[in-house]
Amino acid sequence: MRELGPKAWPDFERIVKKHNGVWGGCWCVTFHDSAGKGTGTAAGNKTLKKKLVMAHQSHSALVYEGNQVVGWCLFGHPTEIPGRMSAYGRLKLAQPDWRIPCFFVDKERRREGVAEAALQGVLRMIAKKGGGTVDAYPINVHGKPYGSSFLWGGTSTMFARAGFHPVVKLGTSKLVMRKVVRGR
């Protein structure tokens, strides 16, 4: 487990390239954009992500197997990842100190616990950074079959196992779940 930063950028870049930029060229920047769209191009998203990582303004817990990244979990302060936060104002919900909006797991490693390992890594990293209120946006699968590539927000059961509690529903299957992490 390592936090994404300048030294880990080549490892991150390698797995993203392996997956064609991840979800059509997202490069894990969608939530960095307040409109939730990124720059509009895969090349622009890559450039933006690298700029944010080099400036320590983009955080992810990278899960390694040997020297290869097999997945990650994006996290950060709402000011760093402001995308898709309109529900907070609409629902009169206090903003968290930290957000966990998405995960990515290598297509060859899905359903092996990589996302759960990334979540545990994020919680340790947040604790080292002083802790606080942490919100996540998982899918409540209700026993319905979902393709693993569609579970980019994680599952409500995974977050419940990590001590998160439901705060509010967002539509029929998305939730806001919250946990307070003590700082170290």
N, C-alpha and C. Protein backbone atom coordinates (compact mmCIF):
# COMPACT_ATOMS: atom_id res chain seq x y z
N MET A 1 0.85 -1.17 0.00
CA MET A 1 0.00 0.00 0.00
C MET A 1 0.89 1.23 0.00
N ARG A 2 0.59 2.16 -0.89
CA ARG A 2 1.30 3.44 -0.95
C ARG A 2 0.31 4.52 -1.32
N GLU A 3 0.58 5.73 -0.85
CA GLU A 3 -0.25 6.85 -1.29
C GLU A 3 0.28 7.34 -2.63
N LEU A 4 -0.63 7.67 -3.54
CA LEU A 4 -0.26 8.23 -4.82
C LEU A 4 0.45 9.56 -4.59
N GLY A 5 1.60 9.70 -5.18
CA GLY A 5 2.39 10.91 -5.11
C GLY A 5 3.38 10.90 -6.25
N PRO A 6 4.27 11.89 -6.32
CA PRO A 6 5.21 11.96 -7.43
C PRO A 6 6.02 10.68 -7.64
N LYS A 7 6.49 10.05 -6.58
CA LYS A 7 7.30 8.83 -6.75
C LYS A 7 6.47 7.65 -7.25
N ALA A 8 5.19 7.61 -6.91
CA ALA A 8 4.33 6.50 -7.32
C ALA A 8 3.63 6.76 -8.67
N TRP A 9 3.80 7.97 -9.22
CA TRP A 9 3.14 8.31 -10.48
C TRP A 9 3.40 7.29 -11.58
N PRO A 10 4.64 6.83 -11.82
CA PRO A 10 4.86 5.86 -12.91
C PRO A 10 4.06 4.55 -12.71
N ASP A 11 3.91 4.11 -11.48
CA ASP A 11 3.13 2.90 -11.20
C ASP A 11 1.65 3.13 -11.52
N PHE A 12 1.13 4.28 -11.11
CA PHE A 12 -0.26 4.64 -11.38
C PHE A 12 -0.48 4.78 -12.89
N GLU A 13 0.44 5.47 -13.54
CA GLU A 13 0.33 5.68 -14.99
C GLU A 13 0.30 4.34 -15.73
N ARG A 14 1.09 3.39 -15.30
CA ARG A 14 1.16 2.07 -15.94
C ARG A 14 -0.19 1.35 -15.90
N ILE A 15 -0.85 1.34 -14.73
CA ILE A 15 -2.13 0.62 -14.66
C ILE A 15 -3.24 1.36 -15.40
N VAL A 16 -3.20 2.69 -15.38
CA VAL A 16 -4.22 3.44 -16.11
C VAL A 16 -4.07 3.21 -17.61
N LYS A 17 -2.84 3.23 -18.10
CA LYS A 17 -2.61 2.96 -19.53
C LYS A 17 -3.06 1.55 -19.89
N LYS A 18 -2.81 0.59 -19.00
CA LYS A 18 -3.22 -0.80 -19.24
C LYS A 18 -4.73 -0.87 -19.48
N HIS A 19 -5.47 0.02 -18.84
CA HIS A 19 -6.94 0.02 -18.94
C HIS A 19 -7.45 1.17 -19.79
N ASN A 20 -6.64 1.57 -20.78
CA ASN A 20 -7.05 2.58 -21.76
C ASN A 20 -7.57 3.87 -21.13
N GLY A 21 -6.89 4.33 -20.09
CA GLY A 21 -7.26 5.59 -19.46
C GLY A 21 -8.35 5.47 -18.42
N VAL A 22 -8.85 4.29 -18.19
CA VAL A 22 -9.91 3.98 -17.22
C VAL A 22 -11.22 4.68 -17.60
N TRP A 23 -12.24 3.91 -17.79
CA TRP A 23 -13.58 4.40 -18.10
C TRP A 23 -13.57 5.49 -19.17
N GLY A 24 -13.04 5.16 -20.32
CA GLY A 24 -13.08 6.08 -21.44
C GLY A 24 -12.14 7.26 -21.33
N GLY A 25 -11.08 7.14 -20.54
CA GLY A 25 -10.10 8.21 -20.44
C GLY A 25 -10.26 9.12 -19.25
N CYS A 26 -10.94 8.66 -18.22
CA CYS A 26 -11.17 9.46 -17.01
C CYS A 26 -9.85 9.86 -16.31
N TRP A 27 -8.92 8.93 -16.25
CA TRP A 27 -7.67 9.13 -15.52
C TRP A 27 -7.92 9.53 -14.07
N CYS A 28 -9.10 9.18 -13.57
CA CYS A 28 -9.46 9.44 -12.17
C CYS A 28 -9.45 10.94 -11.86
N VAL A 29 -10.01 11.75 -12.78
CA VAL A 29 -10.12 13.19 -12.53
C VAL A 29 -11.56 13.68 -12.47
N THR A 30 -12.53 12.84 -12.76
CA THR A 30 -13.92 13.28 -12.82
C THR A 30 -14.32 14.04 -11.56
N PHE A 31 -13.98 13.53 -10.39
CA PHE A 31 -14.39 14.19 -9.15
C PHE A 31 -13.55 15.41 -8.81
N HIS A 32 -12.42 15.60 -9.49
CA HIS A 32 -11.61 16.80 -9.28
C HIS A 32 -12.26 18.01 -9.95
N ASP A 33 -13.18 17.79 -10.86
CA ASP A 33 -13.87 18.85 -11.59
C ASP A 33 -15.24 19.09 -10.94
N SER A 34 -15.54 20.34 -10.62
CA SER A 34 -16.81 20.62 -9.92
C SER A 34 -18.02 20.21 -10.74
N ALA A 35 -17.92 20.22 -12.07
CA ALA A 35 -19.03 19.78 -12.91
C ALA A 35 -19.06 18.26 -13.05
N GLY A 36 -18.02 17.58 -12.57
CA GLY A 36 -17.97 16.12 -12.64
C GLY A 36 -17.74 15.59 -14.03
N LYS A 37 -16.99 16.34 -14.87
CA LYS A 37 -16.78 15.92 -16.25
C LYS A 37 -15.31 15.77 -16.64
N GLY A 38 -14.39 16.26 -15.85
CA GLY A 38 -12.99 16.25 -16.26
C GLY A 38 -12.74 17.32 -17.30
N THR A 39 -11.68 17.13 -18.10
CA THR A 39 -11.30 18.15 -19.08
C THR A 39 -11.99 17.97 -20.43
N GLY A 40 -12.55 16.80 -20.66
CA GLY A 40 -13.21 16.53 -21.93
C GLY A 40 -12.43 15.62 -22.85
N THR A 41 -11.12 15.41 -22.55
CA THR A 41 -10.32 14.49 -23.37
C THR A 41 -9.45 13.63 -22.45
N ALA A 42 -9.12 12.45 -22.94
CA ALA A 42 -8.25 11.57 -22.16
C ALA A 42 -6.88 12.21 -21.96
N ALA A 43 -6.33 12.83 -23.00
CA ALA A 43 -5.01 13.47 -22.89
C ALA A 43 -5.06 14.61 -21.88
N GLY A 44 -6.12 15.41 -21.93
CA GLY A 44 -6.26 16.50 -20.97
C GLY A 44 -6.42 16.00 -19.56
N ASN A 45 -7.16 14.91 -19.39
CA ASN A 45 -7.36 14.32 -18.06
C ASN A 45 -6.04 13.80 -17.50
N LYS A 46 -5.24 13.16 -18.35
CA LYS A 46 -3.94 12.65 -17.90
C LYS A 46 -3.05 13.82 -17.46
N THR A 47 -3.01 14.86 -18.24
CA THR A 47 -2.19 16.03 -17.90
C THR A 47 -2.65 16.65 -16.59
N LEU A 48 -3.96 16.79 -16.43
CA LEU A 48 -4.50 17.35 -15.19
C LEU A 48 -4.16 16.47 -13.99
N LYS A 49 -4.35 15.15 -14.14
CA LYS A 49 -4.08 14.24 -13.03
C LYS A 49 -2.61 14.32 -12.61
N LYS A 50 -1.72 14.32 -13.58
CA LYS A 50 -0.29 14.38 -13.26
C LYS A 50 0.03 15.70 -12.55
N LYS A 51 -0.53 16.78 -13.02
CA LYS A 51 -0.30 18.09 -12.39
C LYS A 51 -0.78 18.07 -10.93
N LEU A 52 -1.97 17.52 -10.69
CA LEU A 52 -2.52 17.44 -9.33
C LEU A 52 -1.67 16.55 -8.44
N VAL A 53 -1.25 15.41 -8.96
CA VAL A 53 -0.42 14.48 -8.18
C VAL A 53 0.91 15.13 -7.82
N MET A 54 1.55 15.77 -8.78
CA MET A 54 2.85 16.39 -8.52
C MET A 54 2.73 17.53 -7.50
N ALA A 55 1.55 18.16 -7.42
CA ALA A 55 1.32 19.25 -6.46
C ALA A 55 0.72 18.73 -5.15
N HIS A 56 0.64 17.40 -4.99
CA HIS A 56 0.06 16.77 -3.79
C HIS A 56 -1.39 17.21 -3.56
N GLN A 57 -2.16 17.36 -4.65
CA GLN A 57 -3.56 17.76 -4.58
C GLN A 57 -4.50 16.66 -5.06
N SER A 58 -3.98 15.46 -5.20
CA SER A 58 -4.79 14.31 -5.56
C SER A 58 -4.28 13.13 -4.75
N HIS A 59 -5.18 12.51 -4.00
CA HIS A 59 -4.80 11.44 -3.08
C HIS A 59 -5.50 10.14 -3.46
N SER A 60 -4.75 9.07 -3.43
CA SER A 60 -5.31 7.74 -3.62
C SER A 60 -4.46 6.77 -2.83
N ALA A 61 -5.11 5.73 -2.32
CA ALA A 61 -4.39 4.62 -1.72
C ALA A 61 -4.19 3.61 -2.85
N LEU A 62 -2.93 3.36 -3.19
CA LEU A 62 -2.59 2.40 -4.24
C LEU A 62 -2.33 1.04 -3.61
N VAL A 63 -2.97 0.00 -4.15
CA VAL A 63 -2.77 -1.36 -3.67
C VAL A 63 -1.81 -2.04 -4.64
N TYR A 64 -0.75 -2.60 -4.08
CA TYR A 64 0.28 -3.25 -4.89
C TYR A 64 0.25 -4.76 -4.70
N GLU A 65 0.62 -5.44 -5.77
CA GLU A 65 0.99 -6.85 -5.71
C GLU A 65 2.38 -6.89 -6.32
N GLY A 66 3.36 -7.13 -5.46
CA GLY A 66 4.74 -6.99 -5.91
C GLY A 66 5.01 -5.54 -6.22
N ASN A 67 5.49 -5.25 -7.44
CA ASN A 67 5.75 -3.86 -7.81
C ASN A 67 4.70 -3.30 -8.76
N GLN A 68 3.57 -4.01 -8.88
CA GLN A 68 2.49 -3.58 -9.77
C GLN A 68 1.27 -3.10 -8.98
N VAL A 69 0.72 -1.96 -9.38
CA VAL A 69 -0.53 -1.49 -8.78
C VAL A 69 -1.67 -2.35 -9.34
N VAL A 70 -2.51 -2.85 -8.45
CA VAL A 70 -3.66 -3.66 -8.88
C VAL A 70 -4.99 -2.97 -8.59
N GLY A 71 -4.93 -1.82 -7.95
CA GLY A 71 -6.14 -1.05 -7.70
C GLY A 71 -5.85 0.15 -6.84
N TRP A 72 -6.86 1.00 -6.70
CA TRP A 72 -6.71 2.18 -5.85
C TRP A 72 -8.06 2.69 -5.41
N CYS A 73 -8.01 3.59 -4.45
CA CYS A 73 -9.19 4.29 -3.96
C CYS A 73 -8.85 5.77 -3.88
N LEU A 74 -9.63 6.60 -4.55
CA LEU A 74 -9.47 8.05 -4.52
C LEU A 74 -10.07 8.60 -3.24
N PHE A 75 -9.37 9.55 -2.61
CA PHE A 75 -9.92 10.24 -1.44
C PHE A 75 -9.38 11.66 -1.41
N GLY A 76 -10.03 12.52 -0.66
CA GLY A 76 -9.54 13.88 -0.52
C GLY A 76 -10.54 14.77 0.17
N HIS A 77 -10.11 16.00 0.40
CA HIS A 77 -10.99 17.02 0.97
C HIS A 77 -12.01 17.45 -0.09
N PRO A 78 -13.19 17.89 0.31
CA PRO A 78 -14.17 18.36 -0.68
C PRO A 78 -13.63 19.46 -1.59
N THR A 79 -12.71 20.28 -1.12
CA THR A 79 -12.14 21.32 -1.99
C THR A 79 -11.27 20.72 -3.09
N GLU A 80 -10.69 19.54 -2.85
CA GLU A 80 -9.85 18.88 -3.85
C GLU A 80 -10.67 18.05 -4.82
N ILE A 81 -11.77 17.50 -4.34
CA ILE A 81 -12.63 16.68 -5.19
C ILE A 81 -14.08 17.14 -5.03
N PRO A 82 -14.40 18.31 -5.65
CA PRO A 82 -15.72 18.91 -5.47
C PRO A 82 -16.81 18.35 -6.38
N GLY A 83 -16.46 17.46 -7.30
CA GLY A 83 -17.44 16.96 -8.27
C GLY A 83 -18.58 16.19 -7.64
N ARG A 84 -19.76 16.44 -8.16
CA ARG A 84 -20.98 15.74 -7.77
C ARG A 84 -21.32 15.91 -6.29
N MET A 85 -21.30 17.14 -5.82
CA MET A 85 -21.62 17.40 -4.41
C MET A 85 -22.93 18.17 -4.25
N SER A 86 -23.74 18.28 -5.28
CA SER A 86 -24.96 19.07 -5.21
C SER A 86 -25.95 18.54 -4.18
N ALA A 87 -25.91 17.27 -3.88
CA ALA A 87 -26.86 16.69 -2.92
C ALA A 87 -26.68 17.28 -1.52
N TYR A 88 -25.47 17.71 -1.18
CA TYR A 88 -25.24 18.25 0.16
C TYR A 88 -26.09 19.48 0.41
N GLY A 89 -26.13 20.40 -0.51
CA GLY A 89 -26.95 21.59 -0.35
C GLY A 89 -28.43 21.27 -0.42
N ARG A 90 -28.80 20.44 -1.37
CA ARG A 90 -30.20 20.07 -1.57
C ARG A 90 -30.78 19.35 -0.35
N LEU A 91 -29.96 18.51 0.29
CA LEU A 91 -30.43 17.71 1.43
C LEU A 91 -30.07 18.35 2.77
N LYS A 92 -29.46 19.54 2.72
CA LYS A 92 -29.04 20.24 3.94
C LYS A 92 -28.15 19.34 4.81
N LEU A 93 -27.21 18.69 4.15
CA LEU A 93 -26.30 17.76 4.79
C LEU A 93 -24.94 18.45 4.96
N ALA A 94 -24.39 18.39 6.15
CA ALA A 94 -23.08 19.00 6.41
C ALA A 94 -22.02 18.29 5.56
N GLN A 95 -21.12 19.07 4.97
CA GLN A 95 -20.05 18.47 4.19
C GLN A 95 -19.06 17.77 5.10
N PRO A 96 -18.48 16.69 4.62
CA PRO A 96 -17.49 15.95 5.41
C PRO A 96 -16.12 16.64 5.35
N ASP A 97 -15.22 16.16 6.18
CA ASP A 97 -13.83 16.59 6.09
C ASP A 97 -13.13 15.90 4.92
N TRP A 98 -13.54 14.67 4.64
CA TRP A 98 -12.95 13.84 3.60
C TRP A 98 -14.03 13.15 2.79
N ARG A 99 -13.71 12.85 1.53
CA ARG A 99 -14.62 12.12 0.65
C ARG A 99 -13.88 10.91 0.05
N ILE A 100 -14.63 9.84 -0.16
CA ILE A 100 -14.15 8.66 -0.87
C ILE A 100 -15.14 8.43 -2.02
N PRO A 101 -14.87 9.00 -3.20
CA PRO A 101 -15.85 8.87 -4.27
C PRO A 101 -15.73 7.65 -5.17
N CYS A 102 -14.52 7.08 -5.31
CA CYS A 102 -14.44 5.97 -6.26
C CYS A 102 -13.21 5.08 -6.04
N PHE A 103 -13.33 3.91 -6.67
CA PHE A 103 -12.29 2.88 -6.65
C PHE A 103 -12.03 2.46 -8.09
N PHE A 104 -10.87 1.88 -8.28
CA PHE A 104 -10.61 1.17 -9.53
C PHE A 104 -9.80 -0.07 -9.19
N VAL A 105 -10.18 -1.19 -9.80
CA VAL A 105 -9.46 -2.45 -9.59
C VAL A 105 -9.15 -3.04 -10.96
N ASP A 106 -7.91 -3.47 -11.13
CA ASP A 106 -7.47 -4.12 -12.36
C ASP A 106 -8.49 -5.20 -12.74
N LYS A 107 -8.86 -5.23 -14.01
CA LYS A 107 -9.91 -6.17 -14.45
C LYS A 107 -9.56 -7.62 -14.16
N GLU A 108 -8.28 -7.93 -14.05
CA GLU A 108 -7.86 -9.31 -13.74
C GLU A 108 -7.87 -9.61 -12.25
N ARG A 109 -8.13 -8.62 -11.41
CA ARG A 109 -8.06 -8.79 -9.96
C ARG A 109 -9.38 -8.48 -9.25
N ARG A 110 -10.45 -8.29 -9.98
CA ARG A 110 -11.73 -7.95 -9.37
C ARG A 110 -12.29 -9.13 -8.59
N ARG A 111 -13.04 -8.80 -7.54
CA ARG A 111 -13.67 -9.77 -6.64
C ARG A 111 -12.65 -10.57 -5.82
N GLU A 112 -11.49 -9.93 -5.55
CA GLU A 112 -10.45 -10.57 -4.74
C GLU A 112 -10.13 -9.77 -3.48
N GLY A 113 -10.91 -8.74 -3.17
CA GLY A 113 -10.67 -7.97 -1.96
C GLY A 113 -9.76 -6.76 -2.14
N VAL A 114 -9.41 -6.42 -3.38
CA VAL A 114 -8.53 -5.28 -3.62
C VAL A 114 -9.19 -3.98 -3.18
N ALA A 115 -10.46 -3.79 -3.51
CA ALA A 115 -11.15 -2.55 -3.12
C ALA A 115 -11.21 -2.43 -1.60
N GLU A 116 -11.48 -3.52 -0.92
CA GLU A 116 -11.53 -3.49 0.55
C GLU A 116 -10.16 -3.15 1.13
N ALA A 117 -9.09 -3.69 0.54
CA ALA A 117 -7.74 -3.35 0.99
C ALA A 117 -7.46 -1.86 0.76
N ALA A 118 -7.90 -1.34 -0.39
CA ALA A 118 -7.71 0.09 -0.68
C ALA A 118 -8.47 0.95 0.32
N LEU A 119 -9.69 0.55 0.67
CA LEU A 119 -10.47 1.29 1.67
C LEU A 119 -9.76 1.32 3.01
N GLN A 120 -9.24 0.19 3.45
CA GLN A 120 -8.51 0.16 4.72
C GLN A 120 -7.27 1.05 4.66
N GLY A 121 -6.60 1.06 3.52
CA GLY A 121 -5.45 1.93 3.34
C GLY A 121 -5.82 3.40 3.42
N VAL A 122 -6.94 3.77 2.78
CA VAL A 122 -7.41 5.15 2.84
C VAL A 122 -7.70 5.55 4.28
N LEU A 123 -8.38 4.70 5.02
CA LEU A 123 -8.73 5.04 6.40
C LEU A 123 -7.48 5.25 7.25
N ARG A 124 -6.44 4.44 7.04
CA ARG A 124 -5.17 4.64 7.76
C ARG A 124 -4.52 5.96 7.34
N MET A 125 -4.55 6.26 6.05
CA MET A 125 -3.95 7.51 5.56
C MET A 125 -4.68 8.73 6.11
N ILE A 126 -6.02 8.66 6.15
CA ILE A 126 -6.80 9.76 6.71
C ILE A 126 -6.48 9.94 8.19
N ALA A 127 -6.35 8.84 8.91
CA ALA A 127 -6.01 8.93 10.34
C ALA A 127 -4.67 9.63 10.52
N LYS A 128 -3.68 9.30 9.69
CA LYS A 128 -2.36 9.93 9.77
C LYS A 128 -2.41 11.41 9.42
N LYS A 129 -3.40 11.80 8.63
CA LYS A 129 -3.55 13.20 8.24
C LYS A 129 -4.44 13.98 9.21
N GLY A 130 -4.77 13.37 10.36
CA GLY A 130 -5.55 14.07 11.38
C GLY A 130 -6.97 13.58 11.56
N GLY A 131 -7.44 12.70 10.67
CA GLY A 131 -8.78 12.14 10.80
C GLY A 131 -9.88 13.13 10.47
N GLY A 132 -11.09 12.78 10.87
CA GLY A 132 -12.25 13.62 10.61
C GLY A 132 -13.41 12.81 10.08
N THR A 133 -14.44 13.52 9.67
CA THR A 133 -15.64 12.88 9.11
C THR A 133 -15.35 12.47 7.67
N VAL A 134 -15.68 11.23 7.33
CA VAL A 134 -15.41 10.69 6.00
C VAL A 134 -16.73 10.21 5.39
N ASP A 135 -17.03 10.69 4.20
CA ASP A 135 -18.21 10.25 3.47
C ASP A 135 -17.82 9.41 2.26
N ALA A 136 -18.66 8.42 1.97
CA ALA A 136 -18.49 7.56 0.80
C ALA A 136 -19.84 7.44 0.12
N TYR A 137 -19.85 6.97 -1.12
CA TYR A 137 -21.05 6.96 -1.95
C TYR A 137 -21.23 5.59 -2.62
N PRO A 138 -21.38 4.55 -1.81
CA PRO A 138 -21.46 3.21 -2.38
C PRO A 138 -22.83 2.88 -2.97
N ILE A 139 -22.84 1.75 -3.64
CA ILE A 139 -24.07 1.20 -4.20
C ILE A 139 -24.61 0.16 -3.24
N ASN A 140 -25.90 0.25 -2.97
CA ASN A 140 -26.59 -0.78 -2.20
C ASN A 140 -27.16 -1.74 -3.23
N VAL A 141 -26.50 -2.87 -3.40
CA VAL A 141 -26.85 -3.78 -4.49
C VAL A 141 -28.17 -4.53 -4.27
N HIS A 142 -28.72 -4.51 -3.08
CA HIS A 142 -30.01 -5.16 -2.78
C HIS A 142 -30.07 -6.59 -3.28
N GLY A 143 -28.96 -7.27 -3.33
CA GLY A 143 -28.95 -8.64 -3.83
C GLY A 143 -29.04 -8.74 -5.34
N LYS A 144 -29.07 -7.59 -6.05
CA LYS A 144 -29.13 -7.60 -7.51
C LYS A 144 -27.73 -7.83 -8.06
N PRO A 145 -27.63 -8.54 -9.17
CA PRO A 145 -26.31 -8.73 -9.78
C PRO A 145 -25.83 -7.45 -10.47
N TYR A 146 -24.64 -7.04 -10.15
CA TYR A 146 -24.00 -5.89 -10.78
C TYR A 146 -22.67 -6.37 -11.34
N GLY A 147 -22.34 -5.92 -12.53
CA GLY A 147 -21.01 -6.20 -13.07
C GLY A 147 -19.98 -5.48 -12.21
N SER A 148 -18.86 -6.12 -11.94
CA SER A 148 -17.87 -5.52 -11.05
C SER A 148 -17.34 -4.19 -11.56
N SER A 149 -17.36 -3.96 -12.86
CA SER A 149 -16.87 -2.68 -13.38
C SER A 149 -17.83 -1.54 -13.07
N PHE A 150 -19.06 -1.85 -12.68
CA PHE A 150 -20.05 -0.82 -12.35
C PHE A 150 -20.06 -0.48 -10.86
N LEU A 151 -19.25 -1.14 -10.09
CA LEU A 151 -19.22 -0.90 -8.64
C LEU A 151 -18.09 0.06 -8.26
N TRP A 152 -17.90 1.11 -9.08
CA TRP A 152 -16.80 2.04 -8.86
C TRP A 152 -16.92 2.82 -7.55
N GLY A 153 -18.10 2.88 -6.95
CA GLY A 153 -18.28 3.54 -5.66
C GLY A 153 -18.14 2.58 -4.49
N GLY A 154 -17.88 1.31 -4.78
CA GLY A 154 -17.85 0.31 -3.74
C GLY A 154 -19.26 -0.15 -3.40
N THR A 155 -19.38 -1.06 -2.47
CA THR A 155 -20.70 -1.55 -2.05
C THR A 155 -20.98 -1.12 -0.62
N SER A 156 -22.25 -0.98 -0.32
CA SER A 156 -22.64 -0.57 1.04
C SER A 156 -22.20 -1.61 2.07
N THR A 157 -22.20 -2.88 1.71
CA THR A 157 -21.78 -3.91 2.67
C THR A 157 -20.29 -3.78 2.99
N MET A 158 -19.47 -3.45 1.99
CA MET A 158 -18.04 -3.26 2.24
C MET A 158 -17.82 -2.09 3.20
N PHE A 159 -18.54 -1.00 2.98
CA PHE A 159 -18.38 0.17 3.86
C PHE A 159 -18.95 -0.12 5.25
N ALA A 160 -20.04 -0.86 5.33
CA ALA A 160 -20.59 -1.20 6.65
C ALA A 160 -19.59 -2.04 7.44
N ARG A 161 -18.92 -2.98 6.78
CA ARG A 161 -17.89 -3.78 7.47
C ARG A 161 -16.76 -2.90 8.00
N ALA A 162 -16.52 -1.76 7.35
CA ALA A 162 -15.46 -0.84 7.77
C ALA A 162 -15.95 0.18 8.79
N GLY A 163 -17.22 0.04 9.24
CA GLY A 163 -17.74 0.93 10.28
C GLY A 163 -18.49 2.16 9.79
N PHE A 164 -18.78 2.23 8.51
CA PHE A 164 -19.58 3.34 7.97
C PHE A 164 -21.06 3.09 8.23
N HIS A 165 -21.81 4.17 8.40
CA HIS A 165 -23.25 4.09 8.63
C HIS A 165 -23.98 4.90 7.57
N PRO A 166 -25.15 4.42 7.11
CA PRO A 166 -25.91 5.17 6.11
C PRO A 166 -26.37 6.52 6.67
N VAL A 167 -26.28 7.56 5.83
CA VAL A 167 -26.73 8.89 6.21
C VAL A 167 -27.98 9.26 5.43
N VAL A 168 -27.95 9.03 4.12
CA VAL A 168 -29.09 9.37 3.26
C VAL A 168 -28.99 8.57 1.96
N LYS A 169 -30.15 8.30 1.36
CA LYS A 169 -30.19 7.64 0.05
C LYS A 169 -30.07 8.68 -1.04
N LEU A 170 -29.39 8.29 -2.10
CA LEU A 170 -29.30 9.12 -3.31
C LEU A 170 -29.90 8.30 -4.44
N GLY A 171 -31.17 8.43 -4.67
CA GLY A 171 -31.83 7.62 -5.68
C GLY A 171 -32.15 6.24 -5.16
N THR A 172 -32.26 5.27 -6.07
CA THR A 172 -32.69 3.93 -5.67
C THR A 172 -31.58 3.03 -5.17
N SER A 173 -30.32 3.30 -5.59
CA SER A 173 -29.27 2.37 -5.19
C SER A 173 -28.03 3.02 -4.57
N LYS A 174 -27.87 4.33 -4.69
CA LYS A 174 -26.70 5.01 -4.12
C LYS A 174 -27.01 5.52 -2.73
N LEU A 175 -25.98 5.54 -1.88
CA LEU A 175 -26.12 6.03 -0.51
C LEU A 175 -24.98 6.99 -0.20
N VAL A 176 -25.21 7.83 0.80
CA VAL A 176 -24.11 8.52 1.45
C VAL A 176 -23.91 7.76 2.75
N MET A 177 -22.70 7.26 2.95
CA MET A 177 -22.37 6.57 4.20
C MET A 177 -21.24 7.35 4.86
N ARG A 178 -21.23 7.36 6.18
CA ARG A 178 -20.30 8.22 6.92
C ARG A 178 -19.64 7.47 8.07
N LYS A 179 -18.41 7.90 8.34
CA LYS A 179 -17.66 7.37 9.47
C LYS A 179 -16.76 8.49 9.99
N VAL A 180 -16.56 8.51 11.30
CA VAL A 180 -15.61 9.43 11.88
C VAL A 180 -14.33 8.65 12.14
N VAL A 181 -13.24 9.15 11.60
CA VAL A 181 -11.91 8.51 11.74
C VAL A 181 -11.10 9.37 12.72
N ARG A 182 -10.60 8.73 13.73
CA ARG A 182 -9.76 9.43 14.72
C ARG A 182 -8.37 9.63 14.15
N GLY A 183 -7.82 10.81 14.40
CA GLY A 183 -6.46 11.11 13.95
C GLY A 183 -5.43 10.42 14.84
N ARG A 184 -4.26 10.22 14.30
CA ARG A 184 -3.16 9.61 15.05
C ARG A 184 -2.11 10.64 15.34
